[in-house]
Amino acid sequence: MNKLLENYTSQFNKNTLTIGLLSLGIGAALLFTNERFAYNALFGPFPISGSELAQVKKPNSLRKYFVVVQGQAAFDTGIAWVRTKKRRGSSETSSTDDSAELKESEYAKAKEHLDLLLVDGYLLPIKVAKALDGPVLVGELGELEPDVTALLRESLTNSKLLPRLLPLQLEQSNSFKAVFWTLCLLLAFLFLAGLLKLLQVLVFWKEPENHPLGKAIAKLGSYNTIRLAIDEDFAHNGAALASGKVTIGKNWLLLTQNSKPTFINLRDLVWVYGTSEKKTTMFIPSTSYSAMLCTADGKELSVPLSNQETAVLIQALAERAPWIQAGFDGKLVMRWNAHKSTVIAEVAEKRDQYLSGGS
């Protein structure tokens, strides 16, 4: 295989290998950063006593934070999280307030309530969305919000239980496992995608016929015959554009877009022209350019290129295949859309005359 095709194959394999390693790397990073979460989802909830709760200093770094607590009694603090509208926009935020300052109907509709659970003589704040079903609670341990802590201490100022108030919060969680399995599916996808890319480069593509480049050649006929013809053509006449998306030979054209190689015999080209599209991204206007290739089978292939490269491609193809229609033509657009077969037949006739030595 000549150097141009070897370089393309090597670069294609490198890109595929990079994608595979990147997928595995992202999966490994997600697994590592969520290891504590996965451990609790798989093996939790873990039983925890009041004395163990009292020893927790930093709940957010606790190894076992998805816990089950056996309480003796629960108390309503009158603190709730209610929805309040911001002055600007329609988004909502959460705030805490005392039930004495809330209307009864508002308190009943509150998003979440704060209760106190008596656990072995200690008071554990618990964030719940509905009334407790019993003294056994399952949830995630975390930091108690500072403003909530202040409200609790104020309400317990004259209570003997104030020294027993734990600086923690247990939040009931019903979606913990669901989030975990969603993470598992994402990790499975990343690892499988990464392994597939590695297998493609290291195992499946060892035979040239199995490589995407080989399959693109095999679509045109006998693999060995077509490959030798393309090799010979590119070895003496091949030239790649700066972007690397197009390689031009005397008789063949190799397009590399969307990670799929496509070979086109110049005899099958009908029309080539440049297009541009203006768009605005984040209030910044820009223009994208591409080359449009119309072939004898009626297909239209758009190749994103710079404006300069599009002009170079059109000129190179017009020199190598003088029979094709080169450049944009509004009337030709209407004829192509309405009578495609007629345009193809006309270009085929010009090609046959040129190749047979006619004028």
Protein backbone atom coordinates (compact mmCIF):
# COMPACT_ATOMS: atom_id res chain seq x y z
CA MET A 1 0.00 0.00 0.00
CA ASN A 2 1.41 3.39 -0.95
CA LYS A 3 2.46 6.03 1.56
CA LEU A 4 -0.68 8.16 1.31
CA LEU A 5 -2.98 5.26 2.08
CA GLU A 6 -0.60 3.95 4.75
CA ASN A 7 -0.62 7.37 6.43
CA TYR A 8 -4.39 7.49 6.25
CA THR A 9 -4.71 3.98 7.75
CA SER A 10 -2.21 4.82 10.50
CA GLN A 11 -3.98 8.09 11.38
CA PHE A 12 -7.39 6.42 11.29
CA ASN A 13 -6.17 3.72 13.68
CA LYS A 14 -4.59 6.31 15.99
CA ASN A 15 -7.84 8.28 16.15
CA THR A 16 -9.82 5.12 16.90
CA LEU A 17 -7.33 4.06 19.55
CA THR A 18 -7.47 7.52 21.13
CA ILE A 19 -11.26 7.39 21.31
CA GLY A 20 -11.09 3.94 22.90
CA LEU A 21 -8.54 4.97 25.52
CA LEU A 22 -10.45 8.18 26.20
CA SER A 23 -13.69 6.24 26.78
CA LEU A 24 -11.91 3.87 29.17
CA GLY A 25 -10.23 6.82 30.91
CA ILE A 26 -13.51 8.69 31.42
CA GLY A 27 -15.14 5.50 32.71
CA ALA A 28 -12.27 4.87 35.13
CA ALA A 29 -12.39 8.50 36.33
CA LEU A 30 -16.16 8.28 36.93
CA LEU A 31 -15.72 5.01 38.79
CA PHE A 32 -12.90 6.42 40.92
CA THR A 33 -14.65 9.70 41.79
CA ASN A 34 -17.92 7.88 42.55
CA GLU A 35 -16.36 4.92 44.38
CA ARG A 36 -17.81 6.03 47.74
CA PHE A 37 -21.24 6.42 46.17
CA ALA A 38 -21.03 2.98 44.52
CA TYR A 39 -19.87 1.36 47.76
CA ASN A 40 -22.88 2.70 49.66
CA ALA A 41 -25.32 1.83 46.88
CA LEU A 42 -24.03 -1.75 46.65
CA PHE A 43 -23.59 -2.56 50.33
CA GLY A 44 -25.75 0.00 52.15
CA PRO A 45 -27.72 0.91 54.09
CA PHE A 46 -25.45 0.41 57.08
CA PRO A 47 -26.85 0.25 60.65
CA ILE A 48 -25.58 3.07 62.86
CA SER A 49 -26.17 3.77 66.55
CA GLY A 50 -26.50 7.04 68.43
CA SER A 51 -23.01 6.74 69.93
CA GLU A 52 -21.54 6.19 66.48
CA LEU A 53 -23.43 9.23 65.18
CA ALA A 54 -22.00 11.31 68.01
CA GLN A 55 -18.46 10.45 66.88
CA VAL A 56 -18.99 11.68 63.31
CA LYS A 57 -17.14 14.95 62.78
CA LYS A 58 -17.25 15.32 58.98
CA PRO A 59 -20.31 13.54 57.57
CA ASN A 60 -19.44 14.42 53.97
CA SER A 61 -16.24 12.35 54.23
CA LEU A 62 -17.88 9.46 56.07
CA ARG A 63 -17.13 6.10 54.42
CA LYS A 64 -20.56 4.65 55.22
CA TYR A 65 -23.06 7.46 54.74
CA PHE A 66 -26.10 5.54 53.44
CA VAL A 67 -27.42 4.35 56.79
CA VAL A 68 -30.37 2.85 58.63
CA VAL A 69 -31.20 4.42 62.02
CA GLN A 70 -33.33 2.89 64.75
CA GLY A 71 -35.00 5.73 66.62
CA GLN A 72 -37.09 5.78 69.79
CA ALA A 73 -39.27 8.82 69.07
CA ALA A 74 -39.70 11.66 66.59
CA PHE A 75 -40.52 15.36 67.17
CA ASP A 76 -41.84 17.96 64.77
CA THR A 77 -39.58 21.03 64.79
CA GLY A 78 -41.98 23.23 62.84
CA ILE A 79 -39.24 23.98 60.32
CA ALA A 80 -40.05 23.45 56.66
CA TRP A 81 -38.60 24.13 53.22
CA VAL A 82 -41.09 26.17 51.22
CA ARG A 83 -41.03 27.31 47.61
CA THR A 84 -40.52 31.04 47.07
CA LYS A 85 -40.43 32.85 43.75
CA LYS A 86 -37.46 35.02 42.89
CA ARG A 87 -38.05 38.61 41.85
CA ARG A 88 -36.65 37.98 38.39
CA GLY A 89 -37.68 35.00 36.35
CA SER A 90 -40.01 32.20 37.29
CA SER A 91 -37.50 29.84 38.87
CA GLU A 92 -38.06 28.67 42.42
CA THR A 93 -35.74 28.34 45.38
CA SER A 94 -35.91 26.67 48.78
CA SER A 95 -35.87 28.47 52.10
CA THR A 96 -36.39 27.59 55.74
CA ASP A 97 -38.82 29.21 58.11
CA ASP A 98 -40.58 28.50 61.38
CA SER A 99 -44.10 27.11 61.22
CA ALA A 100 -45.30 29.86 63.51
CA GLU A 101 -44.57 32.34 60.74
CA LEU A 102 -46.17 30.20 58.09
CA LYS A 103 -49.79 29.81 57.33
CA GLU A 104 -51.06 26.33 58.08
CA SER A 105 -51.88 25.68 54.41
CA GLU A 106 -48.38 26.75 53.35
CA TYR A 107 -46.78 24.47 55.92
CA ALA A 108 -48.87 21.55 54.72
CA LYS A 109 -47.70 22.17 51.15
CA ALA A 110 -44.05 22.56 52.12
CA LYS A 111 -41.57 20.66 49.99
CA GLU A 112 -39.83 19.06 52.99
CA HIS A 113 -40.06 19.14 56.77
CA LEU A 114 -37.43 18.89 59.47
CA ASP A 115 -38.07 16.53 62.37
CA LEU A 116 -35.89 15.42 65.25
CA LEU A 117 -35.34 11.70 65.81
CA LEU A 118 -34.35 10.53 69.28
CA VAL A 119 -31.60 7.92 68.84
CA ASP A 120 -30.08 6.46 72.02
CA GLY A 121 -30.44 9.78 73.81
CA TYR A 122 -29.19 11.90 70.89
CA LEU A 123 -31.27 14.16 68.66
CA LEU A 124 -30.73 13.59 64.95
CA PRO A 125 -32.26 16.16 62.55
CA ILE A 126 -34.05 14.37 59.72
CA LYS A 127 -35.24 15.88 56.46
CA VAL A 128 -38.44 14.21 55.31
CA ALA A 129 -40.95 14.79 52.53
CA LYS A 130 -43.87 13.14 54.31
CA ALA A 131 -44.91 11.84 57.71
CA LEU A 132 -42.74 9.12 59.18
CA ASP A 133 -44.00 5.53 58.84
CA GLY A 134 -42.08 4.30 61.84
CA PRO A 135 -39.00 4.72 64.04
CA VAL A 136 -36.65 3.05 61.52
CA LEU A 137 -35.30 5.50 58.94
CA VAL A 138 -33.09 4.97 55.89
CA GLY A 139 -31.24 7.84 54.25
CA GLU A 140 -28.02 9.71 53.61
CA LEU A 141 -26.01 11.47 56.30
CA GLY A 142 -24.80 14.96 55.47
CA GLU A 143 -24.04 18.41 56.86
CA LEU A 144 -26.78 20.33 58.64
CA GLU A 145 -27.40 23.71 57.01
CA PRO A 146 -26.12 26.63 59.15
CA ASP A 147 -29.41 28.56 59.14
CA VAL A 148 -31.30 25.40 60.15
CA THR A 149 -28.80 24.78 62.94
CA ALA A 150 -29.40 28.31 64.25
CA LEU A 151 -33.18 27.81 64.21
CA LEU A 152 -32.88 24.49 66.03
CA ARG A 153 -30.58 25.87 68.71
CA GLU A 154 -32.91 28.79 69.22
CA SER A 155 -35.93 26.52 69.63
CA LEU A 156 -34.02 24.23 72.03
CA THR A 157 -32.42 27.02 74.09
CA ASN A 158 -34.17 26.05 77.32
CA SER A 159 -34.22 22.32 76.64
CA LYS A 160 -31.98 19.79 78.33
CA LEU A 161 -31.66 18.04 74.95
CA LEU A 162 -29.70 20.90 73.36
CA PRO A 163 -26.28 19.36 74.23
CA ARG A 164 -27.51 16.14 72.63
CA LEU A 165 -28.30 17.79 69.29
CA LEU A 166 -26.13 16.20 66.58
CA PRO A 167 -24.57 18.51 63.95
CA LEU A 168 -25.71 16.09 61.25
CA GLN A 169 -28.70 15.62 59.03
CA LEU A 170 -30.33 12.46 57.76
CA GLU A 171 -32.12 12.95 54.45
CA GLN A 172 -34.50 10.24 53.39
CA SER A 173 -33.56 9.05 49.89
CA ASN A 174 -35.79 7.00 47.64
CA SER A 175 -33.82 7.45 44.40
CA PHE A 176 -30.40 6.37 45.66
CA LYS A 177 -30.41 2.97 43.96
CA ALA A 178 -31.92 4.35 40.75
CA VAL A 179 -29.11 6.91 40.42
CA PHE A 180 -26.59 4.15 41.04
CA TRP A 181 -27.94 1.91 38.27
CA THR A 182 -28.00 4.89 35.90
CA LEU A 183 -24.31 5.39 36.69
CA CYS A 184 -23.69 1.68 36.09
CA LEU A 185 -25.30 1.89 32.65
CA LEU A 186 -23.15 4.91 31.76
CA LEU A 187 -19.99 3.13 32.94
CA ALA A 188 -20.93 -0.03 31.04
CA PHE A 189 -21.44 2.00 27.86
CA LEU A 190 -18.08 3.79 28.24
CA PHE A 191 -16.14 0.59 28.99
CA LEU A 192 -17.78 -1.41 26.20
CA ALA A 193 -17.28 1.43 23.69
CA GLY A 194 -13.64 1.76 24.73
CA LEU A 195 -12.97 -1.99 24.57
CA LEU A 196 -14.65 -2.22 21.16
CA LYS A 197 -12.39 0.51 19.76
CA LEU A 198 -9.30 -1.24 21.14
CA LEU A 199 -10.41 -4.59 19.72
CA GLN A 200 -11.05 -3.01 16.33
CA VAL A 201 -7.51 -1.62 16.10
CA LEU A 202 -5.65 -4.50 17.77
CA VAL A 203 -7.66 -7.51 16.56
CA PHE A 204 -10.42 -6.96 14.00
CA TRP A 205 -8.48 -4.71 11.64
CA LYS A 206 -5.32 -6.79 11.43
CA GLU A 207 -6.51 -8.07 8.05
CA PRO A 208 -6.55 -5.16 5.51
CA GLU A 209 -9.85 -6.39 4.05
CA ASN A 210 -11.55 -5.92 7.44
CA HIS A 211 -10.34 -2.33 7.89
CA PRO A 212 -12.84 0.45 7.02
CA LEU A 213 -10.46 1.51 4.23
CA GLY A 214 -10.44 -2.06 2.87
CA LYS A 215 -14.22 -2.29 3.05
CA ALA A 216 -14.53 0.99 1.15
CA ILE A 217 -12.28 -0.45 -1.58
CA ALA A 218 -14.15 -3.78 -1.64
CA LYS A 219 -17.43 -1.98 -2.37
CA LEU A 220 -16.03 -1.03 -5.78
CA GLY A 221 -15.22 -4.59 -6.90
CA SER A 222 -12.42 -7.08 -6.32
CA TYR A 223 -10.42 -5.87 -3.32
CA ASN A 224 -6.99 -6.78 -4.69
CA THR A 225 -7.69 -5.40 -8.17
CA ILE A 226 -9.16 -2.09 -6.99
CA ARG A 227 -6.53 -1.63 -4.26
CA LEU A 228 -3.69 -2.07 -6.75
CA ALA A 229 -5.31 0.43 -9.13
CA ILE A 230 -5.80 2.99 -6.34
CA ASP A 231 -2.28 2.36 -5.02
CA GLU A 232 -0.79 2.99 -8.43
CA ASP A 233 -2.93 6.07 -8.98
CA PHE A 234 -2.13 7.70 -5.63
CA ALA A 235 1.54 6.68 -5.70
CA HIS A 236 2.22 8.87 -8.74
CA ASN A 237 -0.51 11.47 -8.62
CA GLY A 238 -1.87 11.53 -5.09
CA ALA A 239 -2.14 14.82 -3.18
CA ALA A 240 -3.97 15.52 0.07
CA LEU A 241 -5.56 18.82 1.02
CA ALA A 242 -4.30 20.50 4.18
CA SER A 243 -7.35 19.43 6.17
CA GLY A 244 -6.71 15.78 5.34
CA LYS A 245 -10.35 15.18 4.47
CA VAL A 246 -9.72 14.79 0.74
CA THR A 247 -6.98 12.95 -1.16
CA ILE A 248 -6.93 13.48 -4.91
CA GLY A 249 -5.31 11.14 -7.46
CA LYS A 250 -5.38 11.19 -11.24
CA ASN A 251 -8.41 8.91 -11.40
CA TRP A 252 -9.55 8.51 -7.81
CA LEU A 253 -10.80 10.63 -4.93
CA LEU A 254 -10.66 9.57 -1.26
CA LEU A 255 -13.02 11.32 1.15
CA THR A 256 -12.54 10.88 4.89
CA GLN A 257 -15.45 12.29 6.84
CA ASN A 258 -17.55 11.05 9.75
CA SER A 259 -14.82 8.43 10.39
CA LYS A 260 -15.79 6.61 7.19
CA PRO A 261 -13.57 6.52 4.08
CA THR A 262 -15.26 6.82 0.67
CA PHE A 263 -13.60 6.26 -2.70
CA ILE A 264 -14.97 7.94 -5.83
CA ASN A 265 -13.75 7.26 -9.34
CA LEU A 266 -13.48 10.58 -11.16
CA ARG A 267 -15.32 8.99 -14.07
CA ASP A 268 -18.37 8.91 -11.77
CA LEU A 269 -18.27 12.60 -10.90
CA VAL A 270 -20.99 14.78 -12.43
CA TRP A 271 -20.84 18.12 -10.68
CA VAL A 272 -18.74 19.81 -8.00
CA TYR A 273 -19.34 23.21 -6.46
CA GLY A 274 -18.78 25.16 -3.27
CA THR A 275 -21.41 26.15 -0.72
CA SER A 276 -21.41 28.49 2.27
CA GLU A 277 -23.67 28.81 5.28
CA LYS A 278 -23.90 31.77 7.62
CA LYS A 279 -24.79 31.11 11.23
CA THR A 280 -24.68 32.83 14.61
CA THR A 281 -23.37 31.15 17.75
CA MET A 282 -23.57 33.04 21.04
CA PHE A 283 -24.21 36.25 19.08
CA ILE A 284 -21.00 35.68 17.07
CA PRO A 285 -21.61 35.42 13.30
CA SER A 286 -19.59 32.93 11.30
CA THR A 287 -19.54 31.32 7.87
CA SER A 288 -18.88 27.64 7.16
CA TYR A 289 -17.80 26.37 3.75
CA SER A 290 -18.04 22.97 2.10
CA ALA A 291 -17.61 21.26 -1.24
CA MET A 292 -20.63 19.52 -2.74
CA LEU A 293 -19.89 16.48 -4.90
CA CYS A 294 -22.67 15.09 -7.13
CA THR A 295 -22.07 11.61 -8.55
CA ALA A 296 -23.48 9.48 -11.35
CA ASP A 297 -25.59 7.43 -8.94
CA GLY A 298 -27.50 10.59 -7.98
CA LYS A 299 -25.84 11.04 -4.59
CA GLU A 300 -24.75 14.36 -3.15
CA LEU A 301 -21.78 14.35 -0.78
CA SER A 302 -21.01 17.43 1.30
CA VAL A 303 -17.40 17.77 2.50
CA PRO A 304 -16.72 20.51 5.08
CA LEU A 305 -13.63 22.44 3.93
CA SER A 306 -12.28 25.94 4.16
CA ASN A 307 -13.20 28.40 1.42
CA GLN A 308 -9.66 28.20 0.01
CA GLU A 309 -9.55 24.40 0.08
CA THR A 310 -12.94 24.21 -1.62
CA ALA A 311 -11.60 26.34 -4.47
CA VAL A 312 -8.45 24.20 -4.70
CA LEU A 313 -10.53 21.00 -4.83
CA ILE A 314 -12.85 22.32 -7.56
CA GLN A 315 -9.89 23.44 -9.67
CA ALA A 316 -8.05 20.12 -9.20
CA LEU A 317 -11.10 18.09 -10.16
CA ALA A 318 -11.84 20.28 -13.20
CA GLU A 319 -8.26 19.72 -14.42
CA ARG A 320 -8.37 15.96 -13.90
CA ALA A 321 -11.96 15.50 -15.13
CA PRO A 322 -12.72 18.28 -17.66
CA TRP A 323 -16.11 16.77 -18.48
CA ILE A 324 -17.67 17.53 -15.10
CA GLN A 325 -19.74 20.59 -14.25
CA ALA A 326 -17.53 22.76 -12.02
CA GLY A 327 -18.80 25.66 -9.94
CA PHE A 328 -22.18 26.77 -8.69
CA ASP A 329 -24.94 27.40 -11.25
CA GLY A 330 -28.47 28.33 -10.18
CA LYS A 331 -30.06 27.02 -13.38
CA LEU A 332 -28.14 23.76 -13.03
CA VAL A 333 -29.46 23.40 -9.49
CA MET A 334 -33.03 23.49 -10.80
CA ARG A 335 -32.21 21.02 -13.60
CA TRP A 336 -30.43 18.69 -11.16
CA ASN A 337 -33.40 18.69 -8.80
CA ALA A 338 -36.01 18.27 -11.55
CA HIS A 339 -34.18 16.18 -14.17
CA LYS A 340 -31.21 14.56 -12.46
CA SER A 341 -30.96 11.65 -14.91
CA THR A 342 -30.75 14.06 -17.86
CA VAL A 343 -27.85 16.01 -16.33
CA ILE A 344 -26.04 12.74 -15.52
CA ALA A 345 -26.52 11.50 -19.10
CA GLU A 346 -25.20 14.76 -20.57
CA VAL A 347 -22.05 14.68 -18.44
CA ALA A 348 -21.53 10.98 -19.25
CA GLU A 349 -21.66 11.80 -22.97
CA LYS A 350 -19.07 14.58 -22.56
CA ARG A 351 -16.86 12.20 -20.56
CA ASP A 352 -17.03 9.45 -23.21
CA GLN A 353 -16.17 11.94 -25.97
CA TYR A 354 -13.22 13.30 -24.00
CA LEU A 355 -11.83 9.89 -23.11
CA SER A 356 -12.22 8.63 -26.67
CA GLY A 357 -10.21 11.58 -27.94
CA GLY A 358 -13.15 13.51 -29.40
CA SER A 359 -13.55 17.30 -29.08
